Amino acid sequence: MELITFAKQNRLTVRKDDCGDAVIRGKFGELYEYSDSLLGVMLITPLSKPPKPRHWYRYREAGQVAAMVLQQNGDAEGALSFDPKNAQQVKIALKLAGVKPKRRISPEERARLQAIGYKRRSPALEDGLTL
């Protein structure tokens, strides 16, 4: 499954990373295409905060119980691959990376926001840009 298809199904935003690859960024990591049928999730420790090994350990164990495959294992960060069609694995991956789905706004709320001058941010990849 492609990352853009997965993002549309789960109301997520796809961006390009520094290398130009499509990723879904979260608070603690990112989701990326691992192979044709699998996606990957990577926990990345921020440089501004000290690493918390227990965070990675807890999610690594939960992922392995849910049959996610451990790809990289560090002291406080690592990567797992998962099947995007498995709801349990998807839930763990989104929580591990700290990814939140886009909000759904009603037409009334959208009209109210536009009336007070709200402007949409720059479009994400799935809104017309190609890789």
Protein backbone atom coordinates (compact mmCIF):
# COMPACT_ATOMS: atom_id res chain seq x y z
CA MET A 1 0.00 0.00 0.00
CA GLU A 2 1.28 3.43 -0.83
CA LEU A 3 1.80 5.98 1.90
CA ILE A 4 -0.50 8.50 0.24
CA THR A 5 -3.35 5.96 0.06
CA PHE A 6 -2.80 5.08 3.72
CA ALA A 7 -2.80 8.77 4.63
CA LYS A 8 -6.10 9.41 2.83
CA GLN A 9 -7.76 6.46 4.54
CA ASN A 10 -6.64 7.65 7.99
CA ARG A 11 -6.97 11.46 7.44
CA LEU A 12 -3.20 12.06 7.78
CA THR A 13 -0.91 14.63 6.17
CA VAL A 14 1.95 13.55 3.91
CA ARG A 15 5.01 15.79 3.67
CA LYS A 16 8.45 15.47 2.10
CA ASP A 17 11.46 15.01 4.35
CA ASP A 18 14.93 16.50 3.78
CA CYS A 19 15.76 13.81 1.20
CA GLY A 20 12.55 14.37 -0.73
CA ASP A 21 10.87 11.14 0.42
CA ALA A 22 7.21 11.14 1.43
CA VAL A 23 6.66 10.76 5.20
CA ILE A 24 3.93 11.30 7.75
CA ARG A 25 5.47 13.25 10.60
CA GLY A 26 4.38 13.00 14.19
CA LYS A 27 5.43 14.41 17.53
CA PHE A 28 7.81 11.53 18.34
CA GLY A 29 8.66 10.06 14.95
CA GLU A 30 7.45 9.42 11.44
CA LEU A 31 5.74 6.88 9.21
CA TYR A 32 7.28 5.94 5.85
CA GLU A 33 7.04 3.36 3.07
CA TYR A 34 9.11 0.34 4.01
CA SER A 35 8.25 -1.93 1.06
CA ASP A 36 5.46 -2.45 -1.48
CA SER A 37 3.14 -3.99 1.11
CA LEU A 38 4.52 -2.69 4.42
CA LEU A 39 4.92 0.69 6.07
CA GLY A 40 7.46 1.59 8.71
CA VAL A 41 7.30 3.67 11.87
CA MET A 42 10.39 5.22 13.41
CA LEU A 43 10.66 6.65 16.89
CA ILE A 44 13.12 9.55 16.87
CA THR A 45 14.37 11.06 20.11
CA PRO A 46 14.37 14.87 19.97
CA LEU A 47 17.77 16.49 20.48
CA SER A 48 16.29 19.08 22.83
CA LYS A 49 15.12 16.50 25.38
CA PRO A 50 16.98 13.67 27.08
CA PRO A 51 16.09 10.25 25.62
CA LYS A 52 13.53 8.12 27.45
CA PRO A 53 14.32 4.45 26.86
CA ARG A 54 11.11 3.33 28.62
CA HIS A 55 9.01 5.04 25.90
CA TRP A 56 10.70 3.05 23.13
CA TYR A 57 10.74 -0.15 25.20
CA ARG A 58 6.99 0.01 25.91
CA TYR A 59 6.02 0.58 22.26
CA ARG A 60 8.56 -1.92 20.94
CA GLU A 61 7.07 -4.63 23.14
CA ALA A 62 3.49 -3.68 22.19
CA GLY A 63 4.43 -3.73 18.51
CA GLN A 64 6.07 -7.12 18.72
CA VAL A 65 3.03 -8.56 20.54
CA ALA A 66 0.89 -7.23 17.65
CA ALA A 67 3.22 -8.99 15.13
CA MET A 68 5.03 -5.85 13.98
CA VAL A 69 8.59 -6.59 12.81
CA LEU A 70 11.50 -4.92 14.61
CA GLN A 71 13.82 -3.36 12.00
CA GLN A 72 16.15 -1.22 14.12
CA ASN A 73 16.65 -1.24 17.86
CA GLY A 74 18.54 1.46 19.73
CA ASP A 75 18.71 2.49 23.36
CA ALA A 76 15.88 5.01 23.14
CA GLU A 77 14.81 4.90 19.49
CA GLY A 78 14.18 2.42 16.73
CA ALA A 79 11.98 1.31 13.85
CA LEU A 80 9.21 -1.23 13.29
CA SER A 81 7.52 -2.31 10.06
CA PHE A 82 3.79 -3.00 10.00
CA ASP A 83 0.90 -4.03 7.78
CA PRO A 84 -1.26 -0.98 6.99
CA LYS A 85 -4.35 -3.22 6.72
CA ASN A 86 -4.02 -4.47 10.32
CA ALA A 87 -6.01 -2.06 12.53
CA GLN A 88 -4.17 -3.01 15.73
CA GLN A 89 -0.75 -2.41 14.17
CA VAL A 90 -1.89 0.90 12.66
CA LYS A 91 -3.14 2.10 16.06
CA ILE A 92 0.19 1.26 17.72
CA ALA A 93 2.20 2.88 14.90
CA LEU A 94 0.21 6.14 15.03
CA LYS A 95 0.51 6.30 18.81
CA LEU A 96 4.25 5.52 18.74
CA ALA A 97 5.00 8.30 16.26
CA GLY A 98 2.56 10.73 17.87
CA VAL A 99 0.57 11.23 14.67
CA LYS A 100 -2.88 12.77 14.93
CA PRO A 101 -5.49 12.66 12.15
CA LYS A 102 -6.74 15.84 10.52
CA ARG A 103 -9.82 17.34 12.08
CA ARG A 104 -13.09 17.25 10.20
CA ILE A 105 -14.70 20.67 10.02
CA SER A 106 -18.40 21.10 9.38
CA PRO A 107 -19.49 23.45 6.57
CA GLU A 108 -20.88 25.87 9.16
CA GLU A 109 -17.57 26.00 11.04
CA ARG A 110 -15.64 26.45 7.78
CA ALA A 111 -17.90 29.36 6.79
CA ARG A 112 -17.44 30.93 10.24
CA LEU A 113 -13.65 30.63 10.01
CA GLN A 114 -13.56 32.13 6.53
CA ALA A 115 -15.74 35.02 7.71
CA ILE A 116 -13.19 35.96 10.37
CA GLY A 117 -10.24 35.78 7.94
CA TYR A 118 -8.88 32.27 8.46
CA LYS A 119 -6.68 31.07 5.60
CA ARG A 120 -5.67 27.49 4.91
CA ARG A 121 -2.02 26.52 5.31
CA SER A 122 0.10 25.34 2.40
CA PRO A 123 -1.35 22.20 0.80
CA ALA A 124 -0.02 18.77 1.70
CA LEU A 125 1.20 16.25 -0.87
CA GLU A 126 -2.13 14.51 -1.31
CA ASP A 127 -3.78 17.80 -2.30
CA GLY A 128 -2.33 17.73 -5.80
CA LEU A 129 1.45 17.55 -5.54
CA THR A 130 3.15 14.47 -6.90
CA LEU A 131 6.23 12.68 -5.71
